[in-house]
Amino acid sequence: MDDMPLVYVLSDSVGETAELVIKAGLSQFNNGEYRIQRIPYVEDKKTIDDSLVLALENQALIGFTIVDPELRSYLNEQATAKGLEAIDIMGPMLSSMQEVFGKEPHMEPGLVHKLDEDYFRRVEAIEFAVKYDDGRDPRGIARADIILIGVSRTSKTPLSQYLASKRIKVANVPIVPEVDPPEELFEVDPAKCIGLRISAEKLNDIRKERLKALGLGDQATYANMQRIHQELEYFNKVVNKIGCKVVDVSYKAVEETANTIMRLMK
C-alpha cells in the first residue's frame, strides 16, 4: 500500500455511515492522509466482484456496510480468498444486537437516512407552523398541507404544532368579522381546509379564563356573548363559502382534535 492509502467504501445505501467510520479510523494513521472512493447501492455479487478487482489492482483497503447477510458473507469470503483486507462495519454489530435483543434485524438498507429524513421533515413542519401561525403570512396557505380556520381561542396554534410533530405542514387563519379573510383561502383546494367550530358557551368560558390570566376583567368585549355570537356567525359564513369540513373543538383535547383532523384528511 502506498504512502496515501486508498479505501473503497461499499454500501447497500449511500455509504455515508461507512465513510464516517473509516475516516475516524484512518485519522489515527498516516497523519490522516488517505483517499476514499465510495461504491454505493451494492445490490448484487457482480458489483462486489468488480469492486474487489479494483481493490486488488490498487492494493486498496475495503470498508463496507451491507445488511444483506448473503452479500455480506460473499464479500467477506471473496476478499479473504483474494488476500484483501475487508472491514465489515455492520456485521459484528448486527450479530451482537441480535444476540442481546433476541430478534432478527430488519435487513433494510438506508434506515438511518430514512430516520434522519423523518427528523428533518418534522423540524421543517414545526418551523412552517411557526412562520405561518395566526395568518401572519397568507403565502403559507398555498404551501400548507392543512389550513386551520377559526375564531380566537379555538386552539389553532397548539393544533398546528401538534400536527407539525406528525410532519404535517399547517397554516392557520384567524376569523375576525372586521377583517376580510385572505383571498388565498378561497383559491386553495377546500379539501385542505378545516374549520374549527366551538360552542358560544365554551368559547365564553375559555376567553374569560384567558382575560383573568392576563390580569384583565372578564367583562371585556372579547368575552361578551353578543360579540362571540357575531364572530361565530361570521365564521360559519366563511367556512360555508369555502365549502370545507368542520370539526367541533368545544370539548375536545388538542390530541383528540388532531387525530380527528388526520382521519378526515386521509
Protein backbone atom coordinates (compact mmCIF):
# COMPACT_ATOMS: atom_id res chain seq x y z
CA MET A 1 0.00 0.00 0.00
CA ASP A 2 1.46 3.40 -0.98
CA ASP A 3 2.00 6.34 1.34
CA MET A 4 -1.55 7.56 0.86
CA PRO A 5 -3.96 4.68 1.50
CA LEU A 6 -6.86 4.11 -0.89
CA VAL A 7 -10.05 2.76 0.63
CA TYR A 8 -13.07 1.55 -1.31
CA VAL A 9 -16.23 2.09 0.69
CA LEU A 10 -19.03 -0.29 -0.35
CA SER A 11 -22.58 0.17 0.85
CA ASP A 12 -26.10 -1.01 0.05
CA SER A 13 -27.17 2.60 0.65
CA VAL A 14 -25.29 5.87 0.02
CA GLY A 15 -22.23 4.83 2.04
CA GLU A 16 -22.13 7.80 4.38
CA THR A 17 -22.08 5.73 7.57
CA ALA A 18 -19.24 3.52 6.31
CA GLU A 19 -17.21 6.51 5.18
CA LEU A 20 -17.54 8.26 8.54
CA VAL A 21 -16.35 5.16 10.43
CA ILE A 22 -13.46 4.57 8.00
CA LYS A 23 -12.40 8.21 8.22
CA ALA A 24 -12.41 8.04 12.02
CA GLY A 25 -10.09 5.04 11.86
CA LEU A 26 -7.80 6.47 9.19
CA SER A 27 -7.38 9.69 11.15
CA GLN A 28 -5.29 7.66 13.63
CA PHE A 29 -2.79 6.64 10.92
CA ASN A 30 -0.57 8.20 8.31
CA ASN A 31 -1.23 11.77 9.52
CA GLY A 32 -4.81 11.30 8.45
CA GLU A 33 -3.93 11.38 4.74
CA TYR A 34 -5.95 8.98 2.62
CA ARG A 35 -8.17 8.63 -0.44
CA ILE A 36 -11.68 7.27 -0.20
CA GLN A 37 -13.84 6.13 -3.07
CA ARG A 38 -17.47 5.26 -2.42
CA ILE A 39 -19.27 2.49 -4.28
CA PRO A 40 -22.91 2.97 -3.23
CA TYR A 41 -26.04 0.87 -3.72
CA VAL A 42 -24.28 -2.51 -3.84
CA GLU A 43 -27.13 -4.94 -4.53
CA ASP A 44 -25.54 -7.89 -6.34
CA LYS A 45 -22.47 -10.11 -6.39
CA LYS A 46 -21.19 -8.73 -9.70
CA THR A 47 -20.77 -5.25 -8.16
CA ILE A 48 -18.85 -6.87 -5.31
CA ASP A 49 -16.64 -8.83 -7.77
CA ASP A 50 -15.87 -5.69 -9.80
CA SER A 51 -15.04 -3.74 -6.63
CA LEU A 52 -12.69 -6.47 -5.38
CA VAL A 53 -10.85 -6.47 -8.72
CA LEU A 54 -10.34 -2.71 -8.38
CA ALA A 55 -9.17 -3.07 -4.79
CA LEU A 56 -6.71 -5.80 -5.80
CA GLU A 57 -5.29 -3.73 -8.67
CA ASN A 58 -4.82 -0.70 -6.42
CA GLN A 59 -3.76 -2.56 -3.25
CA ALA A 60 -6.67 -0.89 -1.52
CA LEU A 61 -8.44 -1.47 1.74
CA ILE A 62 -12.19 -2.18 1.75
CA GLY A 63 -14.74 -0.94 4.26
CA PHE A 64 -18.38 -1.88 3.89
CA THR A 65 -21.84 -1.56 5.36
CA ILE A 66 -24.07 -4.22 3.83
CA VAL A 67 -27.01 -5.58 5.81
CA ASP A 68 -27.96 -8.44 3.47
CA PRO A 69 -26.34 -11.48 5.17
CA GLU A 70 -25.77 -13.34 1.90
CA LEU A 71 -23.98 -10.44 0.21
CA ARG A 72 -22.06 -9.70 3.39
CA SER A 73 -20.81 -13.30 3.64
CA TYR A 74 -19.95 -13.34 -0.05
CA LEU A 75 -17.89 -10.16 0.21
CA ASN A 76 -16.01 -11.46 3.27
CA GLU A 77 -15.28 -14.84 1.62
CA GLN A 78 -14.13 -13.36 -1.69
CA ALA A 79 -11.96 -10.74 -0.01
CA THR A 80 -10.26 -13.41 2.10
CA ALA A 81 -9.72 -15.61 -0.96
CA LYS A 82 -8.04 -12.68 -2.76
CA GLY A 83 -5.95 -11.70 0.24
CA LEU A 84 -7.73 -8.39 0.65
CA GLU A 85 -8.48 -6.71 3.95
CA ALA A 86 -12.23 -6.02 4.18
CA ILE A 87 -13.66 -4.25 7.24
CA ASP A 88 -17.22 -5.38 7.96
CA ILE A 89 -18.64 -2.38 9.80
CA MET A 90 -22.24 -3.54 10.26
CA GLY A 91 -21.88 -7.33 10.56
CA PRO A 92 -20.42 -7.75 14.08
CA MET A 93 -22.68 -5.02 15.46
CA LEU A 94 -25.82 -6.61 14.00
CA SER A 95 -24.81 -10.03 15.33
CA SER A 96 -24.28 -8.67 18.83
CA MET A 97 -27.54 -6.75 18.81
CA GLN A 98 -29.40 -9.80 17.52
CA GLU A 99 -27.98 -11.78 20.44
CA VAL A 100 -28.97 -9.14 23.01
CA PHE A 101 -32.42 -8.30 21.62
CA GLY A 102 -33.30 -11.86 20.68
CA LYS A 103 -34.79 -10.81 17.35
CA GLU A 104 -33.80 -10.56 13.71
CA PRO A 105 -32.70 -7.18 12.30
CA HIS A 106 -34.88 -5.56 9.61
CA MET A 107 -32.16 -6.07 6.98
CA GLU A 108 -33.35 -2.93 5.20
CA PRO A 109 -30.63 -0.70 3.69
CA GLY A 110 -30.57 3.03 4.44
CA LEU A 111 -32.79 3.02 7.55
CA VAL A 112 -30.50 5.54 9.29
CA HIS A 113 -31.04 8.01 6.49
CA LYS A 114 -34.78 7.37 6.49
CA LEU A 115 -34.83 8.23 10.20
CA ASP A 116 -32.78 11.38 9.56
CA GLU A 117 -35.13 12.38 6.76
CA ASP A 118 -38.10 11.81 9.07
CA TYR A 119 -36.49 14.05 11.71
CA PHE A 120 -35.80 16.87 9.25
CA ARG A 121 -39.35 16.70 7.85
CA ARG A 122 -40.65 17.12 11.39
CA VAL A 123 -38.39 20.12 12.06
CA GLU A 124 -39.40 21.67 8.74
CA ALA A 125 -43.10 21.23 9.59
CA ILE A 126 -42.62 22.83 13.03
CA GLU A 127 -40.79 25.81 11.50
CA PHE A 128 -43.57 26.10 8.93
CA ALA A 129 -46.25 26.17 11.64
CA VAL A 130 -44.43 28.97 13.46
CA LYS A 131 -43.88 31.01 10.30
CA TYR A 132 -47.49 30.78 9.14
CA ASP A 133 -49.19 30.98 12.53
CA ASP A 134 -52.23 33.20 13.03
CA GLY A 135 -52.43 34.26 9.38
CA ARG A 136 -49.28 36.39 9.59
CA ASP A 137 -48.26 35.45 6.05
CA PRO A 138 -51.07 34.31 3.69
CA ARG A 139 -48.49 32.88 1.26
CA GLY A 140 -48.29 29.86 3.55
CA ILE A 141 -51.88 28.90 2.68
CA ALA A 142 -50.90 27.63 -0.78
CA ARG A 143 -47.91 25.72 0.60
CA ALA A 144 -49.64 24.09 3.58
CA ASP A 145 -50.85 20.51 3.82
CA ILE A 146 -53.66 21.66 6.12
CA ILE A 147 -55.16 25.10 6.76
CA LEU A 148 -56.94 25.55 10.09
CA ILE A 149 -59.65 28.24 10.23
CA GLY A 150 -61.25 29.50 13.42
CA VAL A 151 -62.05 32.41 15.70
CA SER A 152 -59.69 33.36 18.52
CA ARG A 153 -59.13 30.69 21.24
CA THR A 154 -60.08 27.63 19.21
CA SER A 155 -56.63 26.04 19.76
CA LYS A 156 -55.34 26.86 16.26
CA THR A 157 -51.72 27.32 17.35
CA PRO A 158 -51.37 24.25 19.62
CA LEU A 159 -53.14 22.17 16.97
CA SER A 160 -50.71 23.44 14.32
CA GLN A 161 -47.74 22.47 16.49
CA TYR A 162 -49.15 19.04 17.33
CA LEU A 163 -49.83 18.27 13.67
CA ALA A 164 -46.35 19.58 12.80
CA SER A 165 -44.90 16.94 15.15
CA LYS A 166 -46.55 14.43 12.79
CA ARG A 167 -44.63 16.01 9.85
CA ILE A 168 -47.70 17.89 8.55
CA LYS A 169 -47.27 21.48 7.36
CA VAL A 170 -50.04 23.59 8.85
CA ALA A 171 -51.05 27.21 8.36
CA ASN A 172 -53.79 28.72 10.49
CA VAL A 173 -56.04 31.67 9.78
CA PRO A 174 -57.95 33.67 12.41
CA ILE A 175 -61.51 34.70 11.58
CA VAL A 176 -62.47 38.20 12.68
CA PRO A 177 -65.65 39.93 11.42
CA GLU A 178 -63.86 43.24 10.82
CA VAL A 179 -61.13 41.68 8.69
CA ASP A 180 -61.69 40.03 5.31
CA PRO A 181 -60.08 36.58 5.15
CA PRO A 182 -57.11 36.39 2.76
CA GLU A 183 -58.07 35.72 -0.86
CA GLU A 184 -55.75 32.71 -0.87
CA LEU A 185 -58.20 30.96 1.44
CA PHE A 186 -60.80 30.84 -1.30
CA GLU A 187 -58.34 29.83 -4.03
CA VAL A 188 -56.85 26.79 -2.30
CA ASP A 189 -58.35 23.28 -2.50
CA PRO A 190 -61.21 23.23 0.07
CA ALA A 191 -60.22 19.67 0.98
CA LYS A 192 -57.09 21.10 2.63
CA CYS A 193 -59.13 23.42 4.88
CA ILE A 194 -60.55 22.55 8.27
CA GLY A 195 -62.91 24.86 10.14
CA LEU A 196 -62.69 24.74 13.93
CA ARG A 197 -66.17 25.19 15.37
CA ILE A 198 -66.82 25.86 19.06
CA SER A 199 -69.96 26.50 21.11
CA ALA A 200 -70.56 30.05 22.26
CA GLU A 201 -70.73 28.96 25.92
CA LYS A 202 -67.45 27.09 25.82
CA LEU A 203 -65.71 29.92 23.99
CA ASN A 204 -67.02 32.40 26.54
CA ASP A 205 -65.59 30.30 29.39
CA ILE A 206 -62.20 29.98 27.67
CA ARG A 207 -61.97 33.69 26.92
CA LYS A 208 -62.93 34.69 30.45
CA GLU A 209 -60.15 32.46 31.81
CA ARG A 210 -57.75 33.99 29.31
CA LEU A 211 -58.62 37.51 30.42
CA LYS A 212 -58.13 36.54 34.08
CA ALA A 213 -54.72 35.06 33.24
CA LEU A 214 -53.79 38.40 31.66
CA GLY A 215 -54.94 40.24 34.78
CA LEU A 216 -57.91 41.81 32.99
CA GLY A 217 -61.59 41.89 33.91
CA ASP A 218 -63.79 39.22 32.37
CA GLN A 219 -66.32 41.78 31.11
CA ALA A 220 -64.23 42.89 28.13
CA THR A 221 -65.81 42.75 24.66
CA TYR A 222 -63.54 39.75 23.96
CA ALA A 223 -65.66 37.63 26.33
CA ASN A 224 -69.00 39.27 25.58
CA MET A 225 -71.64 36.77 24.42
CA GLN A 226 -73.09 39.13 21.83
CA ARG A 227 -69.64 39.61 20.34
CA ILE A 228 -68.96 35.85 20.42
CA HIS A 229 -72.20 35.10 18.55
CA GLN A 230 -71.24 37.73 15.97
CA GLU A 231 -67.83 36.07 15.45
CA LEU A 232 -69.28 32.56 15.21
CA GLU A 233 -71.88 33.65 12.67
CA TYR A 234 -69.15 35.20 10.55
CA PHE A 235 -67.06 32.03 10.93
CA ASN A 236 -69.99 29.96 9.60
CA LYS A 237 -70.33 32.26 6.57
CA VAL A 238 -66.61 31.91 5.78
CA VAL A 239 -66.44 28.10 6.04
CA ASN A 240 -69.67 27.75 4.06
CA LYS A 241 -68.22 29.93 1.32
CA ILE A 242 -65.05 27.82 1.26
CA GLY A 243 -67.02 24.58 1.41
CA CYS A 244 -64.62 22.92 3.82
CA LYS A 245 -65.01 20.30 6.52
CA VAL A 246 -65.66 21.47 10.07
CA VAL A 247 -64.57 19.91 13.37
CA ASP A 248 -66.23 20.81 16.67
CA VAL A 249 -63.50 21.51 19.23
CA SER A 250 -65.78 22.56 22.08
CA TYR A 251 -64.99 19.66 24.40
CA LYS A 252 -62.02 18.02 22.71
CA ALA A 253 -58.39 17.91 23.83
CA VAL A 254 -55.84 19.07 21.25
CA GLU A 255 -54.64 15.49 20.61
CA GLU A 256 -58.22 14.29 20.07
CA THR A 257 -58.96 17.11 17.61
CA ALA A 258 -55.67 16.48 15.79
CA ASN A 259 -56.48 12.78 15.39
CA THR A 260 -59.93 13.67 14.06
CA ILE A 261 -58.36 16.05 11.53
CA MET A 262 -55.80 13.45 10.40
CA ARG A 263 -58.57 10.91 9.89
CA LEU A 264 -60.55 13.42 7.83
CA MET A 265 -57.52 14.28 5.68
CA LYS A 266 -56.88 10.60 4.92
